[in-house]
Amino acid sequence: MELEKSLTKAELITLLEALTAALKSDGSSLDLDGNRIDLSDALTGEIEYEEEDGQAELEIELSWSLPKANAEKRTGGYELFQGKDEQWYFNLKSANQQIILSSEGYASKASALKGIESVKSNAQSEQFEHLTSVSNQPYFVLKAKNGEVIGRSQMYRRKAGCDKGIRSVIANSQCDTAERA
């Protein structure tokens, strides 16, 4: 499951109050847009504050382990497929099945598989390059040690989201490959 949405100040207050109540209770459960979120005692948090181009951003990220049954269902991985143009492509997906890195087109399946191996061997923070689109949206590319671009991310609204995408690529880079029909 993934949920991302903008909240008004009143909605944010309501959410933070519900989160606080859930964290204080023994049940540690929160209802989020009709989804029951079970919070763990091993909950950890991260806070990030950023000022850029006259905008300020405060990001609060909470992390915990899912129960084993849920965790086994949620794995990231590579999706290999042939496009309508007869080229071969791959996407790297996160555990929530969001595409976090997309390849260029390859003439052969074997070349696309080599591209996946290149992601696996190059997914280290120094191999990512932060870029900005013409519409001023941040994104990143993953480069091989020879400078060749291996994959590209989606466009993000903020640099913090872009940085989170890089961390997700690194975390999911060693996952398996599945071929799409």
N, C-alpha and C. Protein backbone atom coordinates (compact mmCIF):
# COMPACT_ATOMS: atom_id res chain seq x y z
N MET A 1 0.84 -1.17 0.00
CA MET A 1 0.00 0.00 0.00
C MET A 1 0.88 1.24 0.00
N GLU A 2 0.46 2.23 -0.72
CA GLU A 2 1.15 3.51 -0.69
C GLU A 2 0.11 4.60 -0.72
N LEU A 3 0.33 5.64 0.06
CA LEU A 3 -0.59 6.76 0.13
C LEU A 3 0.24 8.03 0.21
N GLU A 4 -0.06 8.96 -0.65
CA GLU A 4 0.58 10.27 -0.60
C GLU A 4 -0.47 11.28 -0.97
N LYS A 5 -0.69 12.25 -0.11
CA LYS A 5 -1.67 13.29 -0.43
C LYS A 5 -1.36 14.55 0.35
N SER A 6 -1.89 15.64 -0.13
CA SER A 6 -1.73 16.92 0.54
C SER A 6 -2.83 17.06 1.59
N LEU A 7 -2.49 17.67 2.72
CA LEU A 7 -3.44 17.86 3.80
C LEU A 7 -3.55 19.33 4.15
N THR A 8 -4.74 19.74 4.54
CA THR A 8 -4.92 21.09 5.06
C THR A 8 -4.35 21.11 6.48
N LYS A 9 -4.22 22.28 7.04
CA LYS A 9 -3.71 22.39 8.40
C LYS A 9 -4.62 21.62 9.37
N ALA A 10 -5.94 21.74 9.22
CA ALA A 10 -6.88 21.05 10.10
C ALA A 10 -6.76 19.53 9.95
N GLU A 11 -6.62 19.04 8.71
CA GLU A 11 -6.46 17.60 8.48
C GLU A 11 -5.14 17.10 9.07
N LEU A 12 -4.11 17.91 8.96
CA LEU A 12 -2.81 17.54 9.52
C LEU A 12 -2.89 17.44 11.05
N ILE A 13 -3.57 18.39 11.68
CA ILE A 13 -3.74 18.35 13.13
C ILE A 13 -4.48 17.07 13.53
N THR A 14 -5.55 16.74 12.82
CA THR A 14 -6.33 15.54 13.11
C THR A 14 -5.46 14.29 12.98
N LEU A 15 -4.67 14.22 11.91
CA LEU A 15 -3.80 13.06 11.69
C LEU A 15 -2.75 12.95 12.79
N LEU A 16 -2.12 14.05 13.14
CA LEU A 16 -1.09 14.01 14.18
C LEU A 16 -1.67 13.66 15.55
N GLU A 17 -2.87 14.12 15.83
CA GLU A 17 -3.53 13.74 17.09
C GLU A 17 -3.84 12.25 17.11
N ALA A 18 -4.34 11.70 15.99
CA ALA A 18 -4.63 10.27 15.91
C ALA A 18 -3.35 9.45 16.02
N LEU A 19 -2.29 9.91 15.39
CA LEU A 19 -1.00 9.22 15.47
C LEU A 19 -0.48 9.23 16.90
N THR A 20 -0.58 10.36 17.56
CA THR A 20 -0.13 10.47 18.95
C THR A 20 -0.93 9.51 19.84
N ALA A 21 -2.25 9.47 19.66
CA ALA A 21 -3.09 8.57 20.45
C ALA A 21 -2.72 7.11 20.19
N ALA A 22 -2.47 6.77 18.93
CA ALA A 22 -2.10 5.39 18.59
C ALA A 22 -0.76 5.01 19.22
N LEU A 23 0.18 5.92 19.21
CA LEU A 23 1.50 5.65 19.78
C LEU A 23 1.43 5.51 21.31
N LYS A 24 0.50 6.22 21.94
CA LYS A 24 0.36 6.15 23.40
C LYS A 24 -0.42 4.91 23.85
N SER A 25 -1.22 4.34 22.96
CA SER A 25 -2.07 3.22 23.34
C SER A 25 -1.30 1.90 23.26
N ASP A 26 -1.84 0.88 23.91
CA ASP A 26 -1.22 -0.44 23.85
C ASP A 26 -1.42 -1.09 22.49
N GLY A 27 -2.52 -0.79 21.82
CA GLY A 27 -2.83 -1.41 20.54
C GLY A 27 -1.94 -0.94 19.40
N SER A 28 -1.44 0.28 19.50
CA SER A 28 -0.57 0.87 18.47
C SER A 28 -1.09 0.66 17.06
N SER A 29 -2.34 1.07 16.85
CA SER A 29 -2.95 0.94 15.53
C SER A 29 -3.54 2.29 15.13
N LEU A 30 -3.45 2.61 13.87
CA LEU A 30 -3.92 3.89 13.35
C LEU A 30 -4.77 3.64 12.11
N ASP A 31 -5.91 4.31 12.01
CA ASP A 31 -6.73 4.22 10.81
C ASP A 31 -6.32 5.37 9.89
N LEU A 32 -5.89 5.02 8.68
CA LEU A 32 -5.43 6.01 7.72
C LEU A 32 -6.22 5.83 6.43
N ASP A 33 -7.17 6.70 6.20
CA ASP A 33 -8.03 6.63 5.02
C ASP A 33 -8.65 5.24 4.83
N GLY A 34 -9.16 4.66 5.90
CA GLY A 34 -9.80 3.36 5.84
C GLY A 34 -8.84 2.18 5.89
N ASN A 35 -7.56 2.42 6.00
CA ASN A 35 -6.56 1.36 6.11
C ASN A 35 -6.05 1.30 7.54
N ARG A 36 -6.06 0.11 8.11
CA ARG A 36 -5.55 -0.05 9.47
C ARG A 36 -4.04 -0.22 9.41
N ILE A 37 -3.34 0.66 10.07
CA ILE A 37 -1.89 0.65 10.10
C ILE A 37 -1.46 0.17 11.48
N ASP A 38 -0.81 -0.99 11.54
CA ASP A 38 -0.31 -1.52 12.80
C ASP A 38 1.09 -1.01 13.03
N LEU A 39 1.26 -0.26 14.11
CA LEU A 39 2.56 0.30 14.45
C LEU A 39 3.28 -0.65 15.39
N SER A 40 4.56 -0.72 15.27
CA SER A 40 5.37 -1.64 16.08
C SER A 40 5.97 -0.91 17.27
N ASP A 41 6.31 -1.70 18.29
CA ASP A 41 7.04 -1.13 19.42
C ASP A 41 8.44 -0.71 18.99
N ALA A 42 8.93 -1.26 17.90
CA ALA A 42 10.27 -0.96 17.41
C ALA A 42 10.25 0.23 16.44
N LEU A 43 9.27 1.09 16.57
CA LEU A 43 9.11 2.25 15.72
C LEU A 43 10.30 3.20 15.90
N THR A 44 10.84 3.66 14.79
CA THR A 44 11.89 4.67 14.83
C THR A 44 11.47 5.82 13.93
N GLY A 45 12.10 6.95 14.09
CA GLY A 45 11.71 8.11 13.30
C GLY A 45 12.90 8.88 12.78
N GLU A 46 12.62 9.65 11.76
CA GLU A 46 13.64 10.50 11.15
C GLU A 46 12.96 11.81 10.82
N ILE A 47 13.64 12.90 11.04
CA ILE A 47 13.08 14.20 10.72
C ILE A 47 14.07 14.93 9.81
N GLU A 48 13.53 15.61 8.82
CA GLU A 48 14.37 16.33 7.88
C GLU A 48 13.75 17.70 7.62
N TYR A 49 14.54 18.73 7.77
CA TYR A 49 14.11 20.09 7.48
C TYR A 49 14.99 20.62 6.37
N GLU A 50 14.35 21.23 5.37
CA GLU A 50 15.11 21.72 4.22
C GLU A 50 14.52 23.04 3.76
N GLU A 51 15.40 23.98 3.45
CA GLU A 51 14.99 25.25 2.84
C GLU A 51 15.65 25.33 1.47
N GLU A 52 14.84 25.59 0.46
CA GLU A 52 15.37 25.65 -0.90
C GLU A 52 14.47 26.54 -1.75
N ASP A 53 15.05 27.48 -2.45
CA ASP A 53 14.33 28.36 -3.37
C ASP A 53 13.11 29.02 -2.73
N GLY A 54 13.29 29.53 -1.51
CA GLY A 54 12.20 30.23 -0.84
C GLY A 54 11.11 29.35 -0.27
N GLN A 55 11.29 28.06 -0.29
CA GLN A 55 10.33 27.10 0.26
C GLN A 55 10.99 26.36 1.41
N ALA A 56 10.23 26.06 2.43
CA ALA A 56 10.71 25.25 3.55
C ALA A 56 9.91 23.95 3.57
N GLU A 57 10.57 22.88 3.96
CA GLU A 57 9.93 21.57 3.99
C GLU A 57 10.35 20.84 5.26
N LEU A 58 9.37 20.30 5.95
CA LEU A 58 9.62 19.47 7.12
C LEU A 58 9.05 18.09 6.81
N GLU A 59 9.92 17.10 6.81
CA GLU A 59 9.49 15.74 6.51
C GLU A 59 9.72 14.88 7.74
N ILE A 60 8.68 14.20 8.17
CA ILE A 60 8.76 13.28 9.30
C ILE A 60 8.51 11.89 8.75
N GLU A 61 9.46 11.01 8.96
CA GLU A 61 9.35 9.65 8.44
C GLU A 61 9.43 8.67 9.60
N LEU A 62 8.44 7.79 9.70
CA LEU A 62 8.40 6.76 10.73
C LEU A 62 8.64 5.42 10.06
N SER A 63 9.39 4.56 10.71
CA SER A 63 9.71 3.24 10.15
C SER A 63 9.52 2.17 11.21
N TRP A 64 9.05 1.00 10.76
CA TRP A 64 8.93 -0.16 11.64
C TRP A 64 8.82 -1.40 10.77
N SER A 65 9.05 -2.53 11.36
CA SER A 65 8.97 -3.79 10.62
C SER A 65 7.52 -4.25 10.55
N LEU A 66 7.14 -4.75 9.40
CA LEU A 66 5.81 -5.34 9.24
C LEU A 66 5.81 -6.75 9.80
N PRO A 67 4.66 -7.23 10.22
CA PRO A 67 4.61 -8.64 10.63
C PRO A 67 5.11 -9.52 9.49
N LYS A 68 5.73 -10.64 9.80
CA LYS A 68 6.37 -11.50 8.82
C LYS A 68 5.46 -11.83 7.63
N ALA A 69 4.20 -12.11 7.87
CA ALA A 69 3.28 -12.45 6.78
C ALA A 69 3.15 -11.31 5.78
N ASN A 70 3.08 -10.05 6.28
CA ASN A 70 3.00 -8.90 5.38
C ASN A 70 4.32 -8.63 4.69
N ALA A 71 5.41 -8.77 5.41
CA ALA A 71 6.73 -8.48 4.86
C ALA A 71 7.07 -9.41 3.71
N GLU A 72 6.65 -10.67 3.79
CA GLU A 72 6.95 -11.62 2.73
C GLU A 72 6.23 -11.27 1.43
N LYS A 73 5.07 -10.64 1.52
CA LYS A 73 4.30 -10.26 0.34
C LYS A 73 4.90 -9.05 -0.35
N ARG A 74 5.65 -8.25 0.38
CA ARG A 74 6.11 -6.97 -0.13
C ARG A 74 7.60 -7.03 -0.46
N THR A 75 7.90 -7.31 -1.70
CA THR A 75 9.29 -7.30 -2.12
C THR A 75 9.41 -6.49 -3.40
N GLY A 76 10.51 -5.83 -3.53
CA GLY A 76 10.78 -5.09 -4.75
C GLY A 76 11.41 -6.03 -5.76
N GLY A 77 11.77 -5.50 -6.89
CA GLY A 77 12.45 -6.31 -7.89
C GLY A 77 12.42 -5.68 -9.27
N TYR A 78 13.06 -6.35 -10.17
CA TYR A 78 13.16 -5.89 -11.55
C TYR A 78 12.04 -6.50 -12.39
N GLU A 79 11.48 -5.68 -13.24
CA GLU A 79 10.48 -6.14 -14.20
C GLU A 79 11.10 -5.96 -15.58
N LEU A 80 11.27 -7.07 -16.28
CA LEU A 80 11.88 -7.07 -17.61
C LEU A 80 10.77 -7.24 -18.64
N PHE A 81 10.77 -6.41 -19.69
CA PHE A 81 9.69 -6.51 -20.68
C PHE A 81 10.15 -5.98 -22.04
N GLN A 82 9.43 -6.41 -23.05
CA GLN A 82 9.69 -5.94 -24.41
C GLN A 82 8.60 -4.94 -24.78
N GLY A 83 9.02 -3.77 -25.24
CA GLY A 83 8.08 -2.71 -25.61
C GLY A 83 7.50 -2.92 -27.00
N LYS A 84 6.52 -2.10 -27.33
CA LYS A 84 5.89 -2.17 -28.66
C LYS A 84 6.90 -1.87 -29.77
N ASP A 85 7.98 -1.18 -29.42
CA ASP A 85 9.02 -0.85 -30.38
C ASP A 85 10.05 -1.98 -30.55
N GLU A 86 9.74 -3.16 -29.95
CA GLU A 86 10.60 -4.34 -30.00
C GLU A 86 11.89 -4.21 -29.19
N GLN A 87 12.05 -3.09 -28.47
CA GLN A 87 13.19 -2.91 -27.59
C GLN A 87 12.90 -3.58 -26.25
N TRP A 88 13.95 -3.96 -25.52
CA TRP A 88 13.83 -4.54 -24.19
C TRP A 88 14.11 -3.47 -23.15
N TYR A 89 13.31 -3.46 -22.07
CA TYR A 89 13.41 -2.48 -21.00
C TYR A 89 13.34 -3.19 -19.65
N PHE A 90 13.76 -2.49 -18.62
CA PHE A 90 13.49 -2.97 -17.26
C PHE A 90 13.13 -1.80 -16.38
N ASN A 91 12.32 -2.09 -15.40
CA ASN A 91 12.00 -1.16 -14.33
C ASN A 91 12.41 -1.82 -13.03
N LEU A 92 12.94 -1.05 -12.12
CA LEU A 92 13.19 -1.53 -10.76
C LEU A 92 12.05 -0.97 -9.92
N LYS A 93 11.37 -1.89 -9.21
CA LYS A 93 10.24 -1.50 -8.37
C LYS A 93 10.60 -1.65 -6.90
N SER A 94 10.02 -0.78 -6.09
CA SER A 94 10.20 -0.86 -4.64
C SER A 94 9.24 -1.91 -4.08
N ALA A 95 9.32 -2.14 -2.80
CA ALA A 95 8.47 -3.13 -2.15
C ALA A 95 6.99 -2.80 -2.32
N ASN A 96 6.65 -1.53 -2.46
CA ASN A 96 5.24 -1.16 -2.66
C ASN A 96 4.85 -1.14 -4.14
N GLN A 97 5.73 -1.70 -4.98
CA GLN A 97 5.50 -1.87 -6.42
C GLN A 97 5.52 -0.56 -7.22
N GLN A 98 6.08 0.49 -6.64
CA GLN A 98 6.25 1.74 -7.38
C GLN A 98 7.54 1.65 -8.18
N ILE A 99 7.52 2.15 -9.42
CA ILE A 99 8.72 2.16 -10.25
C ILE A 99 9.67 3.23 -9.71
N ILE A 100 10.89 2.79 -9.39
CA ILE A 100 11.88 3.72 -8.82
C ILE A 100 13.06 3.98 -9.76
N LEU A 101 13.19 3.15 -10.81
CA LEU A 101 14.26 3.34 -11.78
C LEU A 101 13.82 2.68 -13.09
N SER A 102 13.99 3.39 -14.20
CA SER A 102 13.63 2.86 -15.52
C SER A 102 14.85 2.89 -16.44
N SER A 103 14.95 1.86 -17.26
CA SER A 103 16.09 1.76 -18.17
C SER A 103 15.79 2.42 -19.51
N GLU A 104 16.83 2.52 -20.29
CA GLU A 104 16.70 2.88 -21.70
C GLU A 104 16.27 1.62 -22.44
N GLY A 105 16.01 1.73 -23.74
CA GLY A 105 15.69 0.56 -24.55
C GLY A 105 16.94 -0.17 -24.97
N TYR A 106 16.88 -1.49 -24.96
CA TYR A 106 18.00 -2.34 -25.38
C TYR A 106 17.55 -3.16 -26.59
N ALA A 107 18.48 -3.42 -27.50
CA ALA A 107 18.17 -4.18 -28.71
C ALA A 107 17.89 -5.65 -28.42
N SER A 108 18.46 -6.19 -27.34
CA SER A 108 18.26 -7.61 -27.04
C SER A 108 17.94 -7.80 -25.56
N LYS A 109 17.31 -8.92 -25.28
CA LYS A 109 17.00 -9.29 -23.91
C LYS A 109 18.29 -9.46 -23.10
N ALA A 110 19.30 -10.06 -23.72
CA ALA A 110 20.58 -10.28 -23.04
C ALA A 110 21.20 -8.94 -22.63
N SER A 111 21.09 -7.92 -23.47
CA SER A 111 21.64 -6.60 -23.13
C SER A 111 20.87 -5.97 -21.98
N ALA A 112 19.55 -6.14 -21.95
CA ALA A 112 18.75 -5.60 -20.84
C ALA A 112 19.12 -6.30 -19.54
N LEU A 113 19.36 -7.61 -19.60
CA LEU A 113 19.78 -8.35 -18.40
C LEU A 113 21.15 -7.86 -17.92
N LYS A 114 22.04 -7.51 -18.87
CA LYS A 114 23.33 -6.94 -18.49
C LYS A 114 23.13 -5.57 -17.82
N GLY A 115 22.14 -4.83 -18.29
CA GLY A 115 21.81 -3.55 -17.67
C GLY A 115 21.37 -3.73 -16.23
N ILE A 116 20.57 -4.75 -15.96
CA ILE A 116 20.15 -5.06 -14.58
C ILE A 116 21.36 -5.39 -13.73
N GLU A 117 22.28 -6.19 -14.26
CA GLU A 117 23.50 -6.52 -13.52
C GLU A 117 24.32 -5.27 -13.24
N SER A 118 24.30 -4.33 -14.18
CA SER A 118 25.03 -3.08 -13.99
C SER A 118 24.40 -2.26 -12.86
N VAL A 119 23.06 -2.25 -12.76
CA VAL A 119 22.41 -1.57 -11.64
C VAL A 119 22.86 -2.20 -10.34
N LYS A 120 22.84 -3.54 -10.30
CA LYS A 120 23.22 -4.25 -9.07
C LYS A 120 24.64 -3.91 -8.63
N SER A 121 25.55 -3.77 -9.58
CA SER A 121 26.94 -3.51 -9.21
C SER A 121 27.25 -2.02 -9.03
N ASN A 122 26.38 -1.13 -9.50
CA ASN A 122 26.67 0.31 -9.41
C ASN A 122 25.77 1.08 -8.47
N ALA A 123 24.80 0.45 -7.85
CA ALA A 123 23.84 1.15 -6.98
C ALA A 123 24.49 1.54 -5.66
N GLN A 124 25.35 2.54 -5.73
CA GLN A 124 26.02 3.11 -4.57
C GLN A 124 25.84 4.62 -4.66
N SER A 125 25.73 5.27 -3.54
CA SER A 125 25.36 6.69 -3.53
C SER A 125 26.20 7.57 -4.45
N GLU A 126 27.50 7.28 -4.57
CA GLU A 126 28.35 8.14 -5.41
C GLU A 126 28.08 7.98 -6.91
N GLN A 127 27.31 6.97 -7.30
CA GLN A 127 27.02 6.74 -8.71
C GLN A 127 25.73 7.42 -9.17
N PHE A 128 25.03 8.09 -8.25
CA PHE A 128 23.79 8.78 -8.60
C PHE A 128 24.08 10.25 -8.86
N GLU A 129 23.40 10.79 -9.84
CA GLU A 129 23.54 12.21 -10.14
C GLU A 129 22.17 12.87 -10.02
N HIS A 130 22.10 13.92 -9.20
CA HIS A 130 20.87 14.70 -9.06
C HIS A 130 20.77 15.65 -10.25
N LEU A 131 19.59 15.70 -10.85
CA LEU A 131 19.35 16.61 -11.98
C LEU A 131 18.02 17.34 -11.75
N THR A 132 17.78 18.37 -12.54
CA THR A 132 16.54 19.13 -12.47
C THR A 132 15.99 19.26 -13.88
N SER A 133 14.70 18.96 -14.04
CA SER A 133 14.06 19.03 -15.36
C SER A 133 13.84 20.49 -15.76
N VAL A 134 13.43 20.69 -17.00
CA VAL A 134 13.14 22.04 -17.47
C VAL A 134 11.96 22.65 -16.71
N SER A 135 11.09 21.80 -16.14
CA SER A 135 9.97 22.30 -15.34
C SER A 135 10.36 22.39 -13.85
N ASN A 136 11.67 22.37 -13.58
CA ASN A 136 12.24 22.55 -12.25
C ASN A 136 11.88 21.44 -11.26
N GLN A 137 11.71 20.22 -11.76
CA GLN A 137 11.44 19.08 -10.90
C GLN A 137 12.71 18.27 -10.74
N PRO A 138 13.05 17.89 -9.50
CA PRO A 138 14.25 17.07 -9.29
C PRO A 138 14.03 15.62 -9.74
N TYR A 139 15.09 15.01 -10.24
CA TYR A 139 15.12 13.59 -10.57
C TYR A 139 16.56 13.15 -10.51
N PHE A 140 16.80 11.85 -10.69
CA PHE A 140 18.18 11.37 -10.64
C PHE A 140 18.42 10.35 -11.73
N VAL A 141 19.70 10.18 -12.05
CA VAL A 141 20.12 9.09 -12.94
C VAL A 141 21.17 8.29 -12.18
N LEU A 142 21.22 7.01 -12.51
CA LEU A 142 22.26 6.12 -11.98
C LEU A 142 23.25 5.91 -13.12
N LYS A 143 24.52 6.14 -12.83
CA LYS A 143 25.56 6.00 -13.85
C LYS A 143 26.51 4.87 -13.50
N ALA A 144 26.97 4.20 -14.54
CA ALA A 144 28.02 3.20 -14.37
C ALA A 144 29.33 3.94 -14.10
N LYS A 145 30.33 3.22 -13.69
CA LYS A 145 31.62 3.85 -13.38
C LYS A 145 32.25 4.51 -14.61
N ASN A 146 31.85 4.09 -15.81
CA ASN A 146 32.36 4.71 -17.03
C ASN A 146 31.56 5.96 -17.44
N GLY A 147 30.58 6.35 -16.60
CA GLY A 147 29.79 7.55 -16.87
C GLY A 147 28.52 7.31 -17.67
N GLU A 148 28.33 6.10 -18.17
CA GLU A 148 27.14 5.77 -18.95
C GLU A 148 25.90 5.70 -18.05
N VAL A 149 24.80 6.32 -18.48
CA VAL A 149 23.55 6.28 -17.71
C VAL A 149 22.93 4.90 -17.82
N ILE A 150 22.63 4.28 -16.66
CA ILE A 150 22.02 2.95 -16.61
C ILE A 150 20.51 3.06 -16.46
N GLY A 151 20.08 4.02 -15.65
CA GLY A 151 18.65 4.17 -15.40
C GLY A 151 18.32 5.57 -14.92
N ARG A 152 17.04 5.88 -14.99
CA ARG A 152 16.55 7.22 -14.66
C ARG A 152 15.33 7.09 -13.76
N SER A 153 15.17 8.05 -12.87
CA SER A 153 14.03 8.04 -11.95
C SER A 153 12.84 8.77 -12.54
N GLN A 154 11.77 8.76 -11.79
CA GLN A 154 10.61 9.59 -12.09
C GLN A 154 10.95 11.04 -11.72
N MET A 155 10.05 11.95 -12.00
CA MET A 155 10.19 13.34 -11.55
C MET A 155 9.61 13.42 -10.14
N TYR A 156 10.26 14.19 -9.29
CA TYR A 156 9.81 14.37 -7.92
C TYR A 156 9.39 15.81 -7.70
N ARG A 157 8.57 16.03 -6.70
CA ARG A 157 8.16 17.39 -6.36
C ARG A 157 9.24 18.12 -5.59
N ARG A 158 9.98 17.36 -4.74
CA ARG A 158 10.98 17.97 -3.88
C ARG A 158 12.25 17.13 -3.87
N LYS A 159 13.36 17.79 -3.51
CA LYS A 159 14.64 17.10 -3.44
C LYS A 159 14.62 15.99 -2.41
N ALA A 160 13.91 16.18 -1.31
CA ALA A 160 13.83 15.14 -0.27
C ALA A 160 13.22 13.86 -0.83
N GLY A 161 12.21 13.97 -1.67
CA GLY A 161 11.61 12.80 -2.31
C GLY A 161 12.59 12.13 -3.25
N CYS A 162 13.36 12.93 -3.96
CA CYS A 162 14.39 12.41 -4.86
C CYS A 162 15.44 11.63 -4.08
N ASP A 163 15.87 12.17 -2.96
CA ASP A 163 16.86 11.49 -2.11
C ASP A 163 16.30 10.17 -1.57
N LYS A 164 15.03 10.18 -1.23
CA LYS A 164 14.38 8.95 -0.74
C LYS A 164 14.34 7.91 -1.87
N GLY A 165 14.10 8.35 -3.10
CA GLY A 165 14.10 7.45 -4.25
C GLY A 165 15.46 6.79 -4.44
N ILE A 166 16.53 7.55 -4.27
CA ILE A 166 17.88 7.00 -4.39
C ILE A 166 18.10 5.92 -3.32
N ARG A 167 17.70 6.22 -2.09
CA ARG A 167 17.85 5.23 -1.01
C ARG A 167 17.05 3.96 -1.34
N SER A 168 15.89 4.11 -1.96
CA SER A 168 15.07 2.96 -2.32
C SER A 168 15.73 2.13 -3.43
N VAL A 169 16.34 2.79 -4.40
CA VAL A 169 17.06 2.05 -5.45
C VAL A 169 18.19 1.24 -4.83
N ILE A 170 18.95 1.87 -3.95
CA ILE A 170 20.06 1.16 -3.30
C ILE A 170 19.52 -0.05 -2.53
N ALA A 171 18.44 0.16 -1.77
CA ALA A 171 17.88 -0.91 -0.95
C ALA A 171 17.30 -2.06 -1.77
N ASN A 172 16.76 -1.76 -2.95
CA ASN A 172 16.10 -2.78 -3.77
C ASN A 172 16.95 -3.30 -4.92
N SER A 173 18.16 -2.79 -5.07
CA SER A 173 18.98 -3.11 -6.25
C SER A 173 19.36 -4.58 -6.36
N GLN A 174 19.40 -5.30 -5.25
CA GLN A 174 19.83 -6.70 -5.29
C GLN A 174 18.66 -7.68 -5.42
N CYS A 175 17.47 -7.18 -5.67
CA CYS A 175 16.27 -8.04 -5.78
C CYS A 175 16.27 -8.85 -7.07
N ASP A 176 15.34 -9.77 -7.17
CA ASP A 176 15.22 -10.66 -8.32
C ASP A 176 14.57 -9.97 -9.52
N THR A 177 14.59 -10.67 -10.66
CA THR A 177 14.01 -10.19 -11.90
C THR A 177 12.84 -11.07 -12.29
N ALA A 178 11.74 -10.44 -12.73
CA ALA A 178 10.60 -11.17 -13.25
C ALA A 178 10.30 -10.63 -14.64
N GLU A 179 9.97 -11.50 -15.56
CA GLU A 179 9.66 -11.06 -16.93
C GLU A 179 8.17 -10.85 -17.07
N ARG A 180 7.80 -9.71 -17.65
CA ARG A 180 6.40 -9.38 -17.89
C ARG A 180 6.02 -9.91 -19.26
N ALA A 181 4.86 -10.50 -19.34
CA ALA A 181 4.39 -11.05 -20.63
C ALA A 181 3.98 -9.97 -21.59
